[in-house]
Amino acid sequence: MADGKWIEGLTPGMSVTDAARTTLVARFAVVRHFLPLAAEKAREDVEHVHQLRVGTRRATAALRVFADALPRRPLKAVKRTLRTVRRAAGDARDWDVFLASLPGAKALSAAAARPALDFLLGYAIGERTAAQERLVSATAEAGPLFAEQSEELPGRAREPQDDPPANFGELAVRQLGTLFREFTADVEANPTDAPALHALRIAGKRLRYAIEIFADCFPPAMKETVYPAVERVQELLGGVQDATVGMQRLAHIRDAVRAAVPKEWTRLRKGIDALNASLRTRVPAGKKAFAAWRKEWLELRKSLKREVAAATVTAPA
């Protein structure tokens, strides 16, 4: 099954109600597809968990886009269900990424680092196993509920009541214009510390998922040029965030080892310290790459004024 990134059948002139139904059906189908696969066949393919996590994010983004066209209580209920699944899948996915990074880590390739590699692999496998149990539990709890909610909610879409847009295209102009302005303002602020960069990454994620819904309401440059640029900065900032989280995780492991088996720390220290140092170098490297991307983005905004204009115009009240 495709990941459902782009949604077929959306046109600028269609009603918001029809656009909401088309989008929600597509987004919910991906989540329903990967729920049992992530719970039952995660060992066969780690992508099942990854696609479930991304699918829940895209579905939540769709709910945000069409919030004014959906009844409040069912909307909140579906959001809660998706949040439960997303958190469980995210926990499992984070340990999948950590596990995959260990065997090829240069910092752990030396003979003196072998004890740390073995220890970290065992530790991560234990954490990943526990995360899978939580994911299975979340799926058992939320899966049947989501199946029911996701079948019902699209059919309850209606035209927004307060200041309704004329059609899906006008909704696209309003929402994407706001997201573009907010994102570009954050980029222009030139964040440098990890929390601010992570906040920018989240803003970019919201913009990216909105573009996936609204792309066909704008010229091809939206999908072919702007979207890849946003996707690229997410990857760059994701690397910074992964390194930051990795260092925090290693600090926790270090403290746990010292407290539980202090005598083992001597033989584990070299490898863990080397891995931590390697992660630390990725932060300035990621920030440097972001600085280069930032310059390109600001230039892109200038060169694509005509193509992106529709997304940056404030819709009339």
C-alpha atoms as a PDB file:
ATOM      1  CA  MET A   1       0.000   0.000   0.000  1.00  0.00           C
ATOM      2  CA  ALA A   2       1.259   3.489  -0.818  1.00  0.00           C
ATOM      3  CA  ASP A   3       2.058   5.779   2.088  1.00  0.00           C
ATOM      4  CA  GLY A   4      -0.719   8.170   1.048  1.00  0.00           C
ATOM      5  CA  LYS A   5       1.500  11.237   0.831  1.00  0.00           C
ATOM      6  CA  TRP A   6      -0.429  12.820  -2.051  1.00  0.00           C
ATOM      7  CA  ILE A   7      -4.201  12.632  -2.220  1.00  0.00           C
ATOM      8  CA  GLU A   8      -5.977  12.137  -5.525  1.00  0.00           C
ATOM      9  CA  GLY A   9      -9.232  13.849  -6.363  1.00  0.00           C
ATOM     10  CA  LEU A  10      -8.726  17.181  -4.620  1.00  0.00           C
ATOM     11  CA  THR A  11      -9.446  20.275  -6.715  1.00  0.00           C
ATOM     12  CA  PRO A  12      -9.575  23.991  -5.772  1.00  0.00           C
ATOM     13  CA  GLY A  13     -13.236  24.391  -6.753  1.00  0.00           C
ATOM     14  CA  MET A  14     -14.641  21.528  -4.717  1.00  0.00           C
ATOM     15  CA  SER A  15     -16.517  22.166  -1.492  1.00  0.00           C
ATOM     16  CA  VAL A  16     -14.717  22.011   1.839  1.00  0.00           C
ATOM     17  CA  THR A  17     -17.070  19.196   2.838  1.00  0.00           C
ATOM     18  CA  ASP A  18     -16.089  17.016  -0.120  1.00  0.00           C
ATOM     19  CA  ALA A  19     -12.394  17.831   0.338  1.00  0.00           C
ATOM     20  CA  ALA A  20     -12.586  16.900   4.012  1.00  0.00           C
ATOM     21  CA  ARG A  21     -14.232  13.571   3.245  1.00  0.00           C
ATOM     22  CA  THR A  22     -11.761  12.714   0.489  1.00  0.00           C
ATOM     23  CA  THR A  23      -8.759  13.630   2.631  1.00  0.00           C
ATOM     24  CA  LEU A  24      -9.872  11.924   5.830  1.00  0.00           C
ATOM     25  CA  VAL A  25     -10.799   8.699   4.045  1.00  0.00           C
ATOM     26  CA  ALA A  26      -7.327   8.562   2.480  1.00  0.00           C
ATOM     27  CA  ARG A  27      -5.447   9.452   5.655  1.00  0.00           C
ATOM     28  CA  PHE A  28      -7.427   7.109   7.899  1.00  0.00           C
ATOM     29  CA  ALA A  29      -6.990   4.207   5.482  1.00  0.00           C
ATOM     30  CA  VAL A  30      -3.204   4.354   5.895  1.00  0.00           C
ATOM     31  CA  VAL A  31      -3.448   4.201   9.682  1.00  0.00           C
ATOM     32  CA  ARG A  32      -5.877   1.283   9.583  1.00  0.00           C
ATOM     33  CA  HIS A  33      -3.592  -0.550   7.166  1.00  0.00           C
ATOM     34  CA  PHE A  34      -0.432  -0.243   9.253  1.00  0.00           C
ATOM     35  CA  LEU A  35      -1.952  -0.731  12.717  1.00  0.00           C
ATOM     36  CA  PRO A  36      -2.023  -4.554  12.594  1.00  0.00           C
ATOM     37  CA  LEU A  37       1.235  -4.741  10.662  1.00  0.00           C
ATOM     38  CA  ALA A  38       3.090  -2.646  13.260  1.00  0.00           C
ATOM     39  CA  ALA A  39       1.639  -4.689  16.104  1.00  0.00           C
ATOM     40  CA  GLU A  40       2.036  -8.161  14.612  1.00  0.00           C
ATOM     41  CA  LYS A  41       4.820  -7.989  12.017  1.00  0.00           C
ATOM     42  CA  ALA A  42       7.238  -5.335  13.219  1.00  0.00           C
ATOM     43  CA  ARG A  43      10.106  -7.840  13.229  1.00  0.00           C
ATOM     44  CA  GLU A  44       9.530  -8.630   9.570  1.00  0.00           C
ATOM     45  CA  ASP A  45       9.834  -5.009   8.467  1.00  0.00           C
ATOM     46  CA  VAL A  46      10.667  -1.994  10.653  1.00  0.00           C
ATOM     47  CA  GLU A  47       8.927   0.200   8.085  1.00  0.00           C
ATOM     48  CA  HIS A  48       5.554  -0.956   9.402  1.00  0.00           C
ATOM     49  CA  VAL A  49       6.086   0.983  12.629  1.00  0.00           C
ATOM     50  CA  HIS A  50       7.592   3.943  10.807  1.00  0.00           C
ATOM     51  CA  GLN A  51       4.678   4.180   8.382  1.00  0.00           C
ATOM     52  CA  LEU A  52       2.179   3.895  11.229  1.00  0.00           C
ATOM     53  CA  ARG A  53       3.847   6.768  13.041  1.00  0.00           C
ATOM     54  CA  VAL A  54       3.906   8.966   9.944  1.00  0.00           C
ATOM     55  CA  GLY A  55       0.373   7.927   9.066  1.00  0.00           C
ATOM     56  CA  THR A  56      -0.937   9.082  12.436  1.00  0.00           C
ATOM     57  CA  ARG A  57       0.842  12.392  11.999  1.00  0.00           C
ATOM     58  CA  ARG A  58      -0.667  12.940   8.572  1.00  0.00           C
ATOM     59  CA  ALA A  59      -4.105  11.989   9.827  1.00  0.00           C
ATOM     60  CA  THR A  60      -3.773  14.426  12.731  1.00  0.00           C
ATOM     61  CA  ALA A  61      -2.656  17.149  10.311  1.00  0.00           C
ATOM     62  CA  ALA A  62      -5.764  16.507   8.209  1.00  0.00           C
ATOM     63  CA  LEU A  63      -7.946  16.858  11.290  1.00  0.00           C
ATOM     64  CA  ARG A  64      -6.245  20.179  12.015  1.00  0.00           C
ATOM     65  CA  VAL A  65      -6.873  21.412   8.464  1.00  0.00           C
ATOM     66  CA  PHE A  66     -10.580  20.532   8.522  1.00  0.00           C
ATOM     67  CA  ALA A  67     -11.294  21.175  12.208  1.00  0.00           C
ATOM     68  CA  ASP A  68     -13.942  23.789  11.431  1.00  0.00           C
ATOM     69  CA  ALA A  69     -15.760  21.342   9.170  1.00  0.00           C
ATOM     70  CA  LEU A  70     -16.044  18.571  11.764  1.00  0.00           C
ATOM     71  CA  PRO A  71     -18.186  18.112  14.892  1.00  0.00           C
ATOM     72  CA  ARG A  72     -16.143  19.007  17.957  1.00  0.00           C
ATOM     73  CA  ARG A  73     -16.614  15.968  20.205  1.00  0.00           C
ATOM     74  CA  PRO A  74     -15.937  13.270  17.572  1.00  0.00           C
ATOM     75  CA  LEU A  75     -12.976  15.331  16.359  1.00  0.00           C
ATOM     76  CA  LYS A  76     -11.421  15.411  19.828  1.00  0.00           C
ATOM     77  CA  ALA A  77     -12.092  11.708  20.294  1.00  0.00           C
ATOM     78  CA  VAL A  78     -10.274  10.742  17.085  1.00  0.00           C
ATOM     79  CA  LYS A  79      -7.366  13.020  17.995  1.00  0.00           C
ATOM     80  CA  ARG A  80      -7.011  11.268  21.351  1.00  0.00           C
ATOM     81  CA  THR A  81      -7.040   7.849  19.713  1.00  0.00           C
ATOM     82  CA  LEU A  82      -4.439   8.872  17.152  1.00  0.00           C
ATOM     83  CA  ARG A  83      -2.263  10.389  19.882  1.00  0.00           C
ATOM     84  CA  THR A  84      -2.283   7.108  21.808  1.00  0.00           C
ATOM     85  CA  VAL A  85      -1.165   5.169  18.736  1.00  0.00           C
ATOM     86  CA  ARG A  86       1.359   7.798  17.642  1.00  0.00           C
ATOM     87  CA  ARG A  87       3.130   7.878  20.997  1.00  0.00           C
ATOM     88  CA  ALA A  88       3.401   4.104  21.168  1.00  0.00           C
ATOM     89  CA  ALA A  89       4.637   3.871  17.592  1.00  0.00           C
ATOM     90  CA  GLY A  90       7.038   6.755  18.167  1.00  0.00           C
ATOM     91  CA  ASP A  91       8.600   5.048  21.171  1.00  0.00           C
ATOM     92  CA  ALA A  92       9.148   1.857  19.189  1.00  0.00           C
ATOM     93  CA  ARG A  93      10.460   3.743  16.157  1.00  0.00           C
ATOM     94  CA  ASP A  94      12.983   5.709  18.212  1.00  0.00           C
ATOM     95  CA  TRP A  95      14.505   2.480  19.501  1.00  0.00           C
ATOM     96  CA  ASP A  96      14.511   1.004  15.987  1.00  0.00           C
ATOM     97  CA  VAL A  97      16.569   3.985  14.823  1.00  0.00           C
ATOM     98  CA  PHE A  98      18.927   3.732  17.797  1.00  0.00           C
ATOM     99  CA  LEU A  99      19.442   0.012  17.272  1.00  0.00           C
ATOM    100  CA  ALA A 100      20.111   0.446  13.561  1.00  0.00           C
ATOM    101  CA  SER A 101      22.745   3.105  14.262  1.00  0.00           C
ATOM    102  CA  LEU A 102      24.906   0.986  16.554  1.00  0.00           C
ATOM    103  CA  PRO A 103      26.520  -1.715  14.345  1.00  0.00           C
ATOM    104  CA  GLY A 104      27.858   0.795  11.819  1.00  0.00           C
ATOM    105  CA  ALA A 105      28.921   3.452  14.304  1.00  0.00           C
ATOM    106  CA  LYS A 106      32.589   4.300  13.713  1.00  0.00           C
ATOM    107  CA  ALA A 107      32.947   5.285  17.366  1.00  0.00           C
ATOM    108  CA  LEU A 108      32.143   1.694  18.356  1.00  0.00           C
ATOM    109  CA  SER A 109      34.307  -0.047  15.763  1.00  0.00           C
ATOM    110  CA  ALA A 110      37.531  -0.211  17.803  1.00  0.00           C
ATOM    111  CA  ALA A 111      38.275  -3.320  19.851  1.00  0.00           C
ATOM    112  CA  ALA A 112      38.265  -1.292  23.062  1.00  0.00           C
ATOM    113  CA  ALA A 113      34.718  -0.142  22.298  1.00  0.00           C
ATOM    114  CA  ARG A 114      33.369  -3.662  21.724  1.00  0.00           C
ATOM    115  CA  PRO A 115      32.095  -4.088  25.320  1.00  0.00           C
ATOM    116  CA  ALA A 116      30.089  -0.872  24.958  1.00  0.00           C
ATOM    117  CA  LEU A 117      28.676  -1.991  21.602  1.00  0.00           C
ATOM    118  CA  ASP A 118      27.557  -5.323  23.030  1.00  0.00           C
ATOM    119  CA  PHE A 119      26.084  -3.654  26.091  1.00  0.00           C
ATOM    120  CA  LEU A 120      24.238  -0.979  24.104  1.00  0.00           C
ATOM    121  CA  LEU A 121      22.833  -3.562  21.693  1.00  0.00           C
ATOM    122  CA  GLY A 122      21.497  -5.622  24.579  1.00  0.00           C
ATOM    123  CA  TYR A 123      20.130  -2.562  26.335  1.00  0.00           C
ATOM    124  CA  ALA A 124      18.432  -1.263  23.195  1.00  0.00           C
ATOM    125  CA  ILE A 125      16.942  -4.653  22.343  1.00  0.00           C
ATOM    126  CA  GLY A 126      15.433  -4.800  25.817  1.00  0.00           C
ATOM    127  CA  GLU A 127      13.968  -1.313  25.474  1.00  0.00           C
ATOM    128  CA  ARG A 128      12.689  -2.077  21.977  1.00  0.00           C
ATOM    129  CA  THR A 129      11.002  -5.247  23.203  1.00  0.00           C
ATOM    130  CA  ALA A 130       9.261  -3.304  25.957  1.00  0.00           C
ATOM    131  CA  ALA A 131       8.230  -0.620  23.460  1.00  0.00           C
ATOM    132  CA  GLN A 132       6.705  -3.280  21.205  1.00  0.00           C
ATOM    133  CA  GLU A 133       4.658  -4.597  24.090  1.00  0.00           C
ATOM    134  CA  ARG A 134       3.334  -1.094  24.691  1.00  0.00           C
ATOM    135  CA  LEU A 135       2.559  -0.733  20.996  1.00  0.00           C
ATOM    136  CA  VAL A 136       0.673  -4.027  20.930  1.00  0.00           C
ATOM    137  CA  SER A 137      -1.288  -2.925  23.993  1.00  0.00           C
ATOM    138  CA  ALA A 138      -2.081   0.466  22.450  1.00  0.00           C
ATOM    139  CA  THR A 139      -3.180  -1.197  19.227  1.00  0.00           C
ATOM    140  CA  ALA A 140      -5.455  -3.606  21.072  1.00  0.00           C
ATOM    141  CA  GLU A 141      -6.994  -0.684  22.941  1.00  0.00           C
ATOM    142  CA  ALA A 142      -7.185   1.922  20.182  1.00  0.00           C
ATOM    143  CA  GLY A 143      -7.424  -0.187  17.035  1.00  0.00           C
ATOM    144  CA  PRO A 144     -11.098  -1.217  17.212  1.00  0.00           C
ATOM    145  CA  LEU A 145     -12.056   2.256  18.438  1.00  0.00           C
ATOM    146  CA  PHE A 146     -10.198   3.941  15.596  1.00  0.00           C
ATOM    147  CA  ALA A 147     -11.776   1.592  13.044  1.00  0.00           C
ATOM    148  CA  GLU A 148     -15.193   2.754  14.214  1.00  0.00           C
ATOM    149  CA  GLN A 149     -14.257   6.442  14.503  1.00  0.00           C
ATOM    150  CA  SER A 150     -12.518   6.569  11.138  1.00  0.00           C
ATOM    151  CA  GLU A 151     -15.506   5.078   9.366  1.00  0.00           C
ATOM    152  CA  GLU A 152     -17.933   7.517  10.943  1.00  0.00           C
ATOM    153  CA  LEU A 153     -16.143  10.881  11.038  1.00  0.00           C
ATOM    154  CA  PRO A 154     -15.649  11.589   7.291  1.00  0.00           C
ATOM    155  CA  GLY A 155     -19.383  11.268   6.747  1.00  0.00           C
ATOM    156  CA  ARG A 156     -20.033  13.919   9.387  1.00  0.00           C
ATOM    157  CA  ALA A 157     -18.038  16.630   7.593  1.00  0.00           C
ATOM    158  CA  ARG A 158     -19.992  19.793   6.833  1.00  0.00           C
ATOM    159  CA  GLU A 159     -19.287  23.318   5.599  1.00  0.00           C
ATOM    160  CA  PRO A 160     -17.597  25.567   8.209  1.00  0.00           C
ATOM    161  CA  GLN A 161     -20.027  27.932   9.891  1.00  0.00           C
ATOM    162  CA  ASP A 162     -17.852  30.892  10.928  1.00  0.00           C
ATOM    163  CA  ASP A 163     -16.419  32.930   8.044  1.00  0.00           C
ATOM    164  CA  PRO A 164     -16.665  29.957   5.665  1.00  0.00           C
ATOM    165  CA  PRO A 165     -14.330  29.814   2.661  1.00  0.00           C
ATOM    166  CA  ALA A 166     -16.011  29.731  -0.723  1.00  0.00           C
ATOM    167  CA  ASN A 167     -14.356  26.434  -1.588  1.00  0.00           C
ATOM    168  CA  PHE A 168     -11.379  24.193  -0.900  1.00  0.00           C
ATOM    169  CA  GLY A 169      -9.060  26.497  -2.865  1.00  0.00           C
ATOM    170  CA  GLU A 170      -9.839  29.459  -0.631  1.00  0.00           C
ATOM    171  CA  LEU A 171      -9.288  27.320   2.441  1.00  0.00           C
ATOM    172  CA  ALA A 172      -5.903  26.395   0.980  1.00  0.00           C
ATOM    173  CA  VAL A 173      -4.953  30.048   0.500  1.00  0.00           C
ATOM    174  CA  ARG A 174      -5.928  30.936   4.039  1.00  0.00           C
ATOM    175  CA  GLN A 175      -4.277  28.061   5.832  1.00  0.00           C
ATOM    176  CA  LEU A 176      -1.164  27.574   3.759  1.00  0.00           C
ATOM    177  CA  GLY A 177      -0.581  31.319   3.630  1.00  0.00           C
ATOM    178  CA  THR A 178      -0.590  31.487   7.417  1.00  0.00           C
ATOM    179  CA  LEU A 179       1.705  28.478   7.772  1.00  0.00           C
ATOM    180  CA  PHE A 180       4.145  29.894   5.210  1.00  0.00           C
ATOM    181  CA  ARG A 181       4.347  33.244   6.952  1.00  0.00           C
ATOM    182  CA  GLU A 182       4.827  31.676  10.375  1.00  0.00           C
ATOM    183  CA  PHE A 183       7.465  29.244   9.122  1.00  0.00           C
ATOM    184  CA  THR A 184       9.410  31.884   7.219  1.00  0.00           C
ATOM    185  CA  ALA A 185       9.302  34.227  10.226  1.00  0.00           C
ATOM    186  CA  ASP A 186      10.814  31.429  12.327  1.00  0.00           C
ATOM    187  CA  VAL A 187      13.492  30.848   9.689  1.00  0.00           C
ATOM    188  CA  GLU A 188      14.304  34.551   9.528  1.00  0.00           C
ATOM    189  CA  ALA A 189      14.693  34.589  13.325  1.00  0.00           C
ATOM    190  CA  ASN A 190      17.719  32.333  12.737  1.00  0.00           C
ATOM    191  CA  PRO A 191      17.370  29.923  15.685  1.00  0.00           C
ATOM    192  CA  THR A 192      20.582  28.364  16.964  1.00  0.00           C
ATOM    193  CA  ASP A 193      19.890  26.414  20.154  1.00  0.00           C
ATOM    194  CA  ALA A 194      18.491  22.887  20.059  1.00  0.00           C
ATOM    195  CA  PRO A 195      15.008  23.656  21.478  1.00  0.00           C
ATOM    196  CA  ALA A 196      14.442  26.499  18.981  1.00  0.00           C
ATOM    197  CA  LEU A 197      15.651  24.364  16.092  1.00  0.00           C
ATOM    198  CA  HIS A 198      13.340  21.570  17.193  1.00  0.00           C
ATOM    199  CA  ALA A 199      10.437  24.038  17.327  1.00  0.00           C
ATOM    200  CA  LEU A 200      11.271  25.121  13.781  1.00  0.00           C
ATOM    201  CA  ARG A 201      11.318  21.489  12.703  1.00  0.00           C
ATOM    202  CA  ILE A 202       7.823  21.021  14.109  1.00  0.00           C
ATOM    203  CA  ALA A 203       6.634  24.139  12.268  1.00  0.00           C
ATOM    204  CA  GLY A 204       8.167  22.736   9.097  1.00  0.00           C
ATOM    205  CA  LYS A 205       6.426  19.432   9.673  1.00  0.00           C
ATOM    206  CA  ARG A 206       3.044  21.159   9.915  1.00  0.00           C
ATOM    207  CA  LEU A 207       3.764  23.093   6.740  1.00  0.00           C
ATOM    208  CA  ARG A 208       4.888  19.961   4.924  1.00  0.00           C
ATOM    209  CA  TYR A 209       1.796  17.950   5.825  1.00  0.00           C
ATOM    210  CA  ALA A 210      -0.447  20.873   4.845  1.00  0.00           C
ATOM    211  CA  ILE A 211       1.285  21.158   1.454  1.00  0.00           C
ATOM    212  CA  GLU A 212       0.553  17.467   0.868  1.00  0.00           C
ATOM    213  CA  ILE A 213      -3.144  18.254   1.237  1.00  0.00           C
ATOM    214  CA  PHE A 214      -3.260  21.604  -0.592  1.00  0.00           C
ATOM    215  CA  ALA A 215      -0.643  21.100  -3.333  1.00  0.00           C
ATOM    216  CA  ASP A 216      -3.126  20.747  -6.201  1.00  0.00           C
ATOM    217  CA  CYS A 217      -4.594  24.151  -5.396  1.00  0.00           C
ATOM    218  CA  PHE A 218      -1.329  25.844  -6.445  1.00  0.00           C
ATOM    219  CA  PRO A 219       1.120  25.873  -9.351  1.00  0.00           C
ATOM    220  CA  PRO A 220       3.483  22.876  -9.782  1.00  0.00           C
ATOM    221  CA  ALA A 221       6.323  24.723  -8.029  1.00  0.00           C
ATOM    222  CA  MET A 222       4.553  24.111  -4.734  1.00  0.00           C
ATOM    223  CA  LYS A 223       5.017  20.360  -5.031  1.00  0.00           C
ATOM    224  CA  GLU A 224       8.175  20.282  -7.133  1.00  0.00           C
ATOM    225  CA  THR A 225      10.294  22.990  -5.472  1.00  0.00           C
ATOM    226  CA  VAL A 226       8.847  24.284  -2.215  1.00  0.00           C
ATOM    227  CA  TYR A 227       7.895  20.920  -0.759  1.00  0.00           C
ATOM    228  CA  PRO A 228      11.345  19.324  -1.249  1.00  0.00           C
ATOM    229  CA  ALA A 229      12.939  22.365   0.403  1.00  0.00           C
ATOM    230  CA  VAL A 230      10.740  21.970   3.480  1.00  0.00           C
ATOM    231  CA  GLU A 231      11.373  18.241   3.481  1.00  0.00           C
ATOM    232  CA  ARG A 232      15.110  18.880   3.344  1.00  0.00           C
ATOM    233  CA  VAL A 233      15.182  21.140   6.400  1.00  0.00           C
ATOM    234  CA  GLN A 234      13.186  18.579   8.336  1.00  0.00           C
ATOM    235  CA  GLU A 235      15.889  16.030   7.574  1.00  0.00           C
ATOM    236  CA  LEU A 236      18.660  18.419   8.614  1.00  0.00           C
ATOM    237  CA  LEU A 237      17.000  19.457  11.839  1.00  0.00           C
ATOM    238  CA  GLY A 238      15.977  15.867  12.463  1.00  0.00           C
ATOM    239  CA  GLY A 239      19.661  14.971  12.496  1.00  0.00           C
ATOM    240  CA  VAL A 240      20.351  17.652  15.095  1.00  0.00           C
ATOM    241  CA  GLN A 241      17.429  16.463  17.211  1.00  0.00           C
ATOM    242  CA  ASP A 242      18.455  12.808  16.913  1.00  0.00           C
ATOM    243  CA  ALA A 243      21.976  13.657  18.053  1.00  0.00           C
ATOM    244  CA  THR A 244      20.654  15.719  20.962  1.00  0.00           C
ATOM    245  CA  VAL A 245      18.278  12.972  22.062  1.00  0.00           C
ATOM    246  CA  GLY A 246      21.039  10.394  21.584  1.00  0.00           C
ATOM    247  CA  MET A 247      23.352  12.276  23.942  1.00  0.00           C
ATOM    248  CA  GLN A 248      20.571  12.525  26.503  1.00  0.00           C
ATOM    249  CA  ARG A 249      19.922   8.809  26.172  1.00  0.00           C
ATOM    250  CA  LEU A 250      23.599   7.980  26.646  1.00  0.00           C
ATOM    251  CA  ALA A 251      23.757  10.225  29.711  1.00  0.00           C
ATOM    252  CA  HIS A 252      20.831   8.287  31.186  1.00  0.00           C
ATOM    253  CA  ILE A 253      22.498   4.960  30.373  1.00  0.00           C
ATOM    254  CA  ARG A 254      25.781   6.141  31.873  1.00  0.00           C
ATOM    255  CA  ASP A 255      24.071   7.142  35.113  1.00  0.00           C
ATOM    256  CA  ALA A 256      22.151   3.867  35.236  1.00  0.00           C
ATOM    257  CA  VAL A 257      25.331   1.800  34.780  1.00  0.00           C
ATOM    258  CA  ARG A 258      27.211   3.749  37.419  1.00  0.00           C
ATOM    259  CA  ALA A 259      24.373   3.297  39.876  1.00  0.00           C
ATOM    260  CA  ALA A 260      23.573  -0.368  39.202  1.00  0.00           C
ATOM    261  CA  VAL A 261      26.942  -1.926  38.238  1.00  0.00           C
ATOM    262  CA  PRO A 262      29.670   0.668  38.906  1.00  0.00           C
ATOM    263  CA  LYS A 263      32.469  -1.847  38.406  1.00  0.00           C
ATOM    264  CA  GLU A 264      31.390  -2.363  34.779  1.00  0.00           C
ATOM    265  CA  TRP A 265      31.699   1.306  33.906  1.00  0.00           C
ATOM    266  CA  THR A 266      35.454   1.111  33.398  1.00  0.00           C
ATOM    267  CA  ARG A 267      35.212  -1.297  30.471  1.00  0.00           C
ATOM    268  CA  LEU A 268      32.125   0.387  28.988  1.00  0.00           C
ATOM    269  CA  ARG A 269      33.274   3.958  29.348  1.00  0.00           C
ATOM    270  CA  LYS A 270      35.568   4.227  26.342  1.00  0.00           C
ATOM    271  CA  GLY A 271      32.966   3.130  23.820  1.00  0.00           C
ATOM    272  CA  ILE A 272      30.110   5.123  25.325  1.00  0.00           C
ATOM    273  CA  ASP A 273      32.230   8.273  25.607  1.00  0.00           C
ATOM    274  CA  ALA A 274      33.400   7.856  22.008  1.00  0.00           C
ATOM    275  CA  LEU A 275      29.824   7.478  20.775  1.00  0.00           C
ATOM    276  CA  ASN A 276      28.762  10.514  22.781  1.00  0.00           C
ATOM    277  CA  ALA A 277      31.608  12.562  21.285  1.00  0.00           C
ATOM    278  CA  SER A 278      30.582  11.444  17.806  1.00  0.00           C
ATOM    279  CA  LEU A 279      27.011  12.551  18.418  1.00  0.00           C
ATOM    280  CA  ARG A 280      28.223  15.885  19.760  1.00  0.00           C
ATOM    281  CA  THR A 281      30.003  16.656  16.488  1.00  0.00           C
ATOM    282  CA  ARG A 282      26.762  16.184  14.549  1.00  0.00           C
ATOM    283  CA  VAL A 283      25.120  19.143  16.260  1.00  0.00           C
ATOM    284  CA  PRO A 284      27.424  21.889  14.898  1.00  0.00           C
ATOM    285  CA  ALA A 285      27.549  20.078  11.544  1.00  0.00           C
ATOM    286  CA  GLY A 286      23.754  20.078  11.422  1.00  0.00           C
ATOM    287  CA  LYS A 287      23.603  23.743  12.397  1.00  0.00           C
ATOM    288  CA  LYS A 288      26.062  24.593   9.621  1.00  0.00           C
ATOM    289  CA  ALA A 289      23.945  22.703   7.097  1.00  0.00           C
ATOM    290  CA  PHE A 290      20.865  24.522   8.361  1.00  0.00           C
ATOM    291  CA  ALA A 291      22.573  27.893   7.882  1.00  0.00           C
ATOM    292  CA  ALA A 292      23.237  26.997   4.241  1.00  0.00           C
ATOM    293  CA  TRP A 293      19.663  25.799   3.790  1.00  0.00           C
ATOM    294  CA  ARG A 294      18.327  28.974   5.413  1.00  0.00           C
ATOM    295  CA  LYS A 295      20.115  31.119   2.862  1.00  0.00           C
ATOM    296  CA  GLU A 296      18.730  28.985   0.035  1.00  0.00           C
ATOM    297  CA  TRP A 297      15.200  29.165   1.456  1.00  0.00           C
ATOM    298  CA  LEU A 298      15.202  32.946   1.691  1.00  0.00           C
ATOM    299  CA  GLU A 299      16.480  33.137  -1.888  1.00  0.00           C
ATOM    300  CA  LEU A 300      13.863  30.601  -2.970  1.00  0.00           C
ATOM    301  CA  ARG A 301      11.145  32.738  -1.489  1.00  0.00           C
ATOM    302  CA  LYS A 302      12.305  35.653  -3.611  1.00  0.00           C
ATOM    303  CA  SER A 303      12.657  33.708  -6.837  1.00  0.00           C
ATOM    304  CA  LEU A 304       9.281  32.006  -6.480  1.00  0.00           C
ATOM    305  CA  LYS A 305       7.256  35.073  -5.610  1.00  0.00           C
ATOM    306  CA  ARG A 306       4.849  34.621  -8.478  1.00  0.00           C
ATOM    307  CA  GLU A 307       4.363  30.889  -7.947  1.00  0.00           C
ATOM    308  CA  VAL A 308       3.987  31.084  -4.187  1.00  0.00           C
ATOM    309  CA  ALA A 309       2.054  34.344  -4.080  1.00  0.00           C
ATOM    310  CA  ALA A 310      -1.288  32.594  -3.705  1.00  0.00           C
ATOM    311  CA  ALA A 311      -0.062  30.874  -0.580  1.00  0.00           C
ATOM    312  CA  THR A 312       1.197  34.046   1.051  1.00  0.00           C
ATOM    313  CA  VAL A 313      -1.778  36.304   0.396  1.00  0.00           C
ATOM    314  CA  THR A 314      -4.011  37.013   3.343  1.00  0.00           C
ATOM    315  CA  ALA A 315      -7.495  35.881   2.399  1.00  0.00           C
ATOM    316  CA  PRO A 316     -10.113  38.628   2.586  1.00  0.00           C
ATOM    317  CA  ALA A 317     -12.270  38.662   5.694  1.00  0.00           C
END
